[in-house]
Amino acid sequence: MLLVNTWAIHRDPKVWDDPTSFRPERFEKPVGEGYNYIPFGMGKRQYPGTGLANREVGMALAAMLQCFEWDRVSKKMVDLKEAKGLTMPKNEPLEAMCRTRERMVNVLSKL
């Protein structure tokens, strides 16, 4: 059995400049040969719903950004440090406030 350590691959200092900082644009262009970003595994054991999952997350995020106005609860900057855990939880949970956009009230009331 081969287990791929995606955490280590995504934070390899030989491949990425400053691998621990949050810069998602680094995955836009290929770096070297092979895969750069493998959140759903690869090969025969790859998650079969990868395409659907990527589309659904994009649609859900777009709907949340389009329908609501977002703001931080406090004025201090968001801490992006990771805590220990299997799912890489944040050290300090993100707290955000949302307000329905005026233009979207009629749309959301019909759902």
Protein backbone atom coordinates (compact mmCIF):
# COMPACT_ATOMS: atom_id res chain seq x y z
CA MET A 1 0.00 0.00 0.00
CA LEU A 2 1.28 3.44 -0.89
CA LEU A 3 0.05 6.45 1.06
CA VAL A 4 0.78 9.85 -0.52
CA ASN A 5 1.56 12.61 1.97
CA THR A 6 -0.08 15.57 0.23
CA TRP A 7 0.67 17.84 3.21
CA ALA A 8 4.42 17.36 2.67
CA ILE A 9 4.14 17.67 -1.12
CA HIS A 10 2.27 20.98 -0.89
CA ARG A 11 4.87 22.37 1.56
CA ASP A 12 8.10 21.16 -0.03
CA PRO A 13 10.67 24.03 0.16
CA LYS A 14 12.55 22.52 -2.81
CA VAL A 15 9.49 23.18 -5.01
CA TRP A 16 7.80 26.26 -3.49
CA ASP A 17 9.17 29.62 -2.40
CA ASP A 18 7.97 30.26 1.17
CA PRO A 19 5.88 27.04 1.29
CA THR A 20 4.08 27.82 4.57
CA SER A 21 2.52 31.11 3.42
CA PHE A 22 -1.01 31.21 1.96
CA ARG A 23 -0.58 31.97 -1.75
CA PRO A 24 -3.11 29.99 -3.84
CA GLU A 25 -1.88 31.61 -7.07
CA ARG A 26 1.16 29.32 -6.92
CA PHE A 27 -1.00 26.45 -8.21
CA GLU A 28 -2.11 28.33 -11.36
CA LYS A 29 1.02 27.46 -13.37
CA PRO A 30 2.76 24.08 -13.56
CA VAL A 31 6.09 23.83 -11.75
CA GLY A 32 8.36 21.12 -13.16
CA GLU A 33 6.90 17.77 -14.16
CA GLY A 34 3.94 15.98 -12.60
CA TYR A 35 1.15 17.24 -10.40
CA ASN A 36 1.38 20.40 -8.32
CA TYR A 37 -1.92 20.29 -6.45
CA ILE A 38 -3.48 16.95 -5.50
CA PRO A 39 -6.25 17.47 -2.91
CA PHE A 40 -8.27 14.46 -4.11
CA GLY A 41 -5.44 11.95 -4.49
CA MET A 42 -4.26 10.56 -7.80
CA GLY A 43 -4.14 7.42 -9.87
CA LYS A 44 -6.54 4.51 -9.52
CA ARG A 45 -7.59 5.55 -6.02
CA GLN A 46 -8.44 9.13 -6.94
CA TYR A 47 -11.75 10.45 -5.66
CA PRO A 48 -14.30 9.85 -8.47
CA GLY A 49 -16.25 13.05 -7.75
CA THR A 50 -13.31 15.43 -8.17
CA GLY A 51 -14.82 17.34 -11.11
CA LEU A 52 -18.22 17.68 -9.46
CA ALA A 53 -16.67 18.69 -6.12
CA ASN A 54 -14.59 21.44 -7.75
CA ARG A 55 -17.63 22.81 -9.61
CA GLU A 56 -19.90 22.69 -6.55
CA VAL A 57 -17.42 24.46 -4.28
CA GLY A 58 -16.97 27.18 -6.90
CA MET A 59 -20.73 27.63 -7.31
CA ALA A 60 -21.37 27.70 -3.55
CA LEU A 61 -18.59 30.23 -2.97
CA ALA A 62 -19.81 32.42 -5.85
CA ALA A 63 -23.38 32.37 -4.48
CA MET A 64 -22.18 33.32 -0.99
CA LEU A 65 -20.11 36.21 -2.34
CA GLN A 66 -22.86 37.42 -4.65
CA CYS A 67 -25.73 37.22 -2.16
CA PHE A 68 -24.08 38.52 1.01
CA GLU A 69 -21.84 41.34 2.21
CA TRP A 70 -19.05 40.02 4.44
CA ASP A 71 -17.06 41.74 7.18
CA ARG A 72 -14.73 40.75 10.04
CA VAL A 73 -16.11 40.76 13.58
CA SER A 74 -13.06 42.55 14.94
CA LYS A 75 -10.72 44.95 13.19
CA LYS A 76 -7.56 42.90 13.84
CA MET A 77 -6.05 40.97 10.94
CA VAL A 78 -7.06 37.33 10.41
CA ASP A 79 -4.55 34.83 11.82
CA LEU A 80 -3.79 32.22 9.10
CA LYS A 81 -1.61 29.95 11.26
CA GLU A 82 -2.58 26.29 11.34
CA ALA A 83 -3.22 24.26 14.48
CA LYS A 84 -2.42 20.58 14.88
CA GLY A 85 -5.00 18.18 13.54
CA LEU A 86 -5.91 15.89 10.70
CA THR A 87 -7.95 18.47 8.77
CA MET A 88 -5.53 21.41 9.31
CA PRO A 89 -7.81 23.55 11.50
CA LYS A 90 -7.02 27.22 12.02
CA ASN A 91 -5.20 28.19 15.21
CA GLU A 92 -7.83 30.85 15.85
CA PRO A 93 -11.30 30.30 14.31
CA LEU A 94 -12.42 32.80 11.69
CA GLU A 95 -15.40 34.86 12.76
CA ALA A 96 -17.25 36.78 10.07
CA MET A 97 -20.51 38.71 9.83
CA CYS A 98 -22.73 38.53 6.78
CA ARG A 99 -25.59 40.73 5.68
CA THR A 100 -27.95 40.03 2.79
CA ARG A 101 -27.37 42.35 -0.15
CA GLU A 102 -30.43 44.51 -0.83
CA ARG A 103 -30.62 43.38 -4.47
CA MET A 104 -30.72 39.72 -3.43
CA VAL A 105 -33.57 39.90 -0.86
CA ASN A 106 -36.25 39.04 -3.43
CA VAL A 107 -34.19 36.20 -4.89
CA LEU A 108 -33.40 34.65 -1.52
CA SER A 109 -37.00 34.97 -0.26
CA LYS A 110 -38.16 32.77 -3.16
CA LEU A 111 -35.82 29.89 -2.27
